[in-house]
Amino acid sequence: MDTWVIVAIVAVVLIALIVAVAVVAARKRPARRRAEAEEIRQRAFEESSAIEQQRAEAAEKHAGAVRMRAEAEQRAAEAARLEREAREQSAATADARQKVDKQWQRADKLDPRTDRDSVAQGPINAQGPINAQGPIDQPVAHPNDQPGVRPNDQSGMGRTNRNN
């Protein structure tokens, strides 16, 4: 055979081989693309799940911040109310103190010889200092302290006969 025939046969075989490889590669390309697309979808799904979790955490943090801000505003309002009440009470106390000081001054003008420390203990009668129930050094009688009456028995039905 001539060389040119052998070269032509080899060239045809090589062209057929190249065409065959190109056809096989062309058939595998869609499968490879499908596999690549599936990997991309899987990564996107995983990232989407992570992003959704981050969004939920951000929403939870936001809700916590809103709740804490509301609590702080409530505490601030309560603190402002207490400060206002304290100022009002302080002003009322100052007014009351001025009235009492005027009473002391008036009493001192009427009787300058009186010692304030002895008067601060309360009124005095012939038996000594007294309070609302009577003299300070004497015990206060209770209604249930009557002889023959049981405690908490106001009806008199609880009288006992001591002769038995």
Protein backbone atom coordinates (compact mmCIF):
# COMPACT_ATOMS: atom_id res chain seq x y z
CA MET A 1 0.00 0.00 0.00
CA ASP A 2 0.99 3.37 -0.64
CA THR A 3 1.97 5.68 2.13
CA TRP A 4 -0.65 8.14 1.25
CA VAL A 5 -3.37 5.47 1.67
CA ILE A 6 -1.99 4.53 5.09
CA VAL A 7 -1.86 8.20 6.09
CA ALA A 8 -5.42 8.65 4.87
CA ILE A 9 -6.63 5.60 6.83
CA VAL A 10 -4.80 6.78 9.94
CA ALA A 11 -6.25 10.25 9.47
CA VAL A 12 -9.78 8.84 9.09
CA VAL A 13 -9.29 6.66 12.18
CA LEU A 14 -7.98 9.63 14.15
CA ILE A 15 -10.88 11.79 13.03
CA ALA A 16 -13.32 9.01 13.94
CA LEU A 17 -11.62 8.66 17.33
CA ILE A 18 -11.81 12.42 17.96
CA VAL A 19 -15.46 12.46 16.92
CA ALA A 20 -16.18 9.49 19.21
CA VAL A 21 -14.46 11.20 22.16
CA ALA A 22 -16.38 14.41 21.45
CA VAL A 23 -19.69 12.52 21.31
CA VAL A 24 -18.97 10.68 24.57
CA ALA A 25 -17.91 13.95 26.23
CA ALA A 26 -21.05 15.66 24.93
CA ARG A 27 -23.21 12.89 26.40
CA LYS A 28 -21.47 13.07 29.81
CA ARG A 29 -21.68 16.88 30.02
CA PRO A 30 -25.42 17.07 31.01
CA ALA A 31 -24.92 14.38 33.69
CA ARG A 32 -21.90 16.25 35.04
CA ARG A 33 -23.86 19.52 34.98
CA ARG A 34 -26.78 17.87 36.79
CA ALA A 35 -24.41 16.56 39.49
CA GLU A 36 -22.79 19.99 39.83
CA ALA A 37 -26.21 21.66 40.02
CA GLU A 38 -27.28 19.17 42.73
CA GLU A 39 -24.17 19.98 44.78
CA ILE A 40 -24.88 23.70 44.44
CA ARG A 41 -28.51 23.15 45.50
CA GLN A 42 -27.39 21.10 48.54
CA ARG A 43 -24.96 23.85 49.64
CA ALA A 44 -27.66 26.49 49.07
CA PHE A 45 -30.13 24.48 51.18
CA GLU A 46 -27.60 24.16 54.03
CA GLU A 47 -26.72 27.86 53.85
CA SER A 48 -30.42 28.72 53.71
CA SER A 49 -31.03 26.73 56.90
CA ALA A 50 -28.13 28.50 58.62
CA ILE A 51 -29.39 31.89 57.45
CA GLU A 52 -32.92 31.11 58.70
CA GLN A 53 -31.51 30.12 62.09
CA GLN A 54 -29.52 33.38 62.23
CA ARG A 55 -32.66 35.33 61.30
CA ALA A 56 -34.59 33.61 64.10
CA GLU A 57 -31.80 34.39 66.59
CA ALA A 58 -31.75 38.02 65.45
CA ALA A 59 -35.54 38.26 65.86
CA GLU A 60 -35.25 36.74 69.35
CA LYS A 61 -32.51 39.21 70.31
CA HIS A 62 -34.62 42.07 68.98
CA ALA A 63 -37.62 40.92 71.01
CA GLY A 64 -35.40 40.66 74.10
CA ALA A 65 -34.07 44.15 73.51
CA VAL A 66 -37.60 45.53 73.11
CA ARG A 67 -38.69 43.76 76.30
CA MET A 68 -35.67 45.05 78.24
CA ARG A 69 -36.23 48.58 76.92
CA ALA A 70 -39.86 48.43 78.06
CA GLU A 71 -38.77 47.17 81.50
CA ALA A 72 -36.16 49.91 81.71
CA GLU A 73 -38.73 52.54 80.79
CA GLN A 74 -41.10 51.11 83.40
CA ARG A 75 -38.33 51.21 86.02
CA ALA A 76 -37.43 54.76 84.99
CA ALA A 77 -41.08 55.79 85.33
CA GLU A 78 -41.25 54.14 88.77
CA ALA A 79 -38.01 55.86 89.80
CA ALA A 80 -39.36 59.21 88.61
CA ARG A 81 -42.59 58.61 90.55
CA LEU A 82 -40.64 57.74 93.72
CA GLU A 83 -38.41 60.79 93.29
CA ARG A 84 -41.49 62.99 92.86
CA GLU A 85 -43.10 61.47 95.98
CA ALA A 86 -39.85 61.93 97.91
CA ARG A 87 -39.67 65.60 96.88
CA GLU A 88 -43.32 66.12 97.83
CA GLN A 89 -42.83 64.36 101.15
CA SER A 90 -39.65 66.32 101.81
CA ALA A 91 -41.46 69.58 101.07
CA ALA A 92 -44.37 68.57 103.31
CA THR A 93 -41.94 67.59 106.05
CA ALA A 94 -40.14 70.91 105.73
CA ASP A 95 -43.47 72.74 105.98
CA ALA A 96 -44.44 70.68 109.03
CA ARG A 97 -41.02 71.31 110.59
CA GLN A 98 -41.48 75.07 110.08
CA LYS A 99 -44.91 74.91 111.75
CA VAL A 100 -43.48 72.99 114.71
CA ASP A 101 -40.54 75.40 114.99
CA LYS A 102 -43.02 78.29 115.05
CA GLN A 103 -44.91 76.51 117.84
CA TRP A 104 -41.67 76.11 119.78
CA GLN A 105 -40.85 79.78 119.24
CA ARG A 106 -44.32 80.83 120.33
CA ALA A 107 -44.10 78.62 123.44
CA ASP A 108 -40.64 80.02 124.20
CA LYS A 109 -42.03 83.57 123.92
CA LEU A 110 -44.86 82.68 126.30
CA ASP A 111 -42.59 80.87 128.79
CA PRO A 112 -38.88 81.22 128.02
CA ARG A 113 -37.82 79.29 131.17
CA THR A 114 -38.98 75.87 129.89
CA ASP A 115 -36.35 73.31 128.89
CA ARG A 116 -37.15 71.73 125.51
CA ASP A 117 -35.64 68.37 126.44
CA SER A 118 -38.07 67.84 129.32
CA VAL A 119 -40.97 68.91 127.11
CA ALA A 120 -39.85 66.55 124.31
CA GLN A 121 -40.70 63.60 126.59
CA GLY A 122 -44.35 64.58 126.52
CA PRO A 123 -46.83 66.34 128.78
CA ILE A 124 -46.28 66.13 132.50
CA ASN A 125 -48.87 65.86 135.25
CA ALA A 126 -48.49 65.58 139.00
CA GLN A 127 -47.58 61.86 138.68
CA GLY A 128 -44.89 62.39 135.95
CA PRO A 129 -44.84 62.11 132.14
CA ILE A 130 -48.05 60.83 130.53
CA ASN A 131 -49.01 59.38 127.17
CA ALA A 132 -52.36 58.72 125.49
CA GLN A 133 -53.15 55.78 127.80
CA GLY A 134 -52.09 57.44 131.03
CA PRO A 135 -48.91 57.88 133.06
CA ILE A 136 -45.88 56.33 131.35
CA ASP A 137 -44.60 54.43 134.41
CA GLN A 138 -47.96 52.75 135.13
CA PRO A 139 -49.20 49.71 133.20
CA VAL A 140 -52.19 50.23 130.96
CA ALA A 141 -55.30 48.29 131.97
CA HIS A 142 -56.79 46.00 129.35
CA PRO A 143 -60.55 45.25 129.27
CA ASN A 144 -59.92 41.51 129.56
CA ASP A 145 -57.78 41.93 132.70
CA GLN A 146 -60.84 41.84 134.95
CA PRO A 147 -60.79 39.06 137.55
CA GLY A 148 -62.93 36.08 136.63
CA VAL A 149 -63.13 36.90 132.91
CA ARG A 150 -61.45 34.69 130.37
CA PRO A 151 -59.37 36.49 127.70
CA ASN A 152 -61.34 37.53 124.61
CA ASP A 153 -64.64 36.91 126.40
CA GLN A 154 -66.50 40.21 126.18
CA SER A 155 -69.94 38.79 126.96
CA GLY A 156 -69.36 38.05 130.62
CA MET A 157 -70.40 34.43 129.97
CA GLY A 158 -66.90 33.26 130.68
CA ARG A 159 -66.95 34.15 134.36
CA THR A 160 -65.65 31.39 136.54
CA ASN A 161 -66.82 30.52 139.99
CA ARG A 162 -63.77 30.62 142.20
CA ASN A 163 -65.62 29.08 145.15
CA ASN A 164 -65.64 25.59 143.62
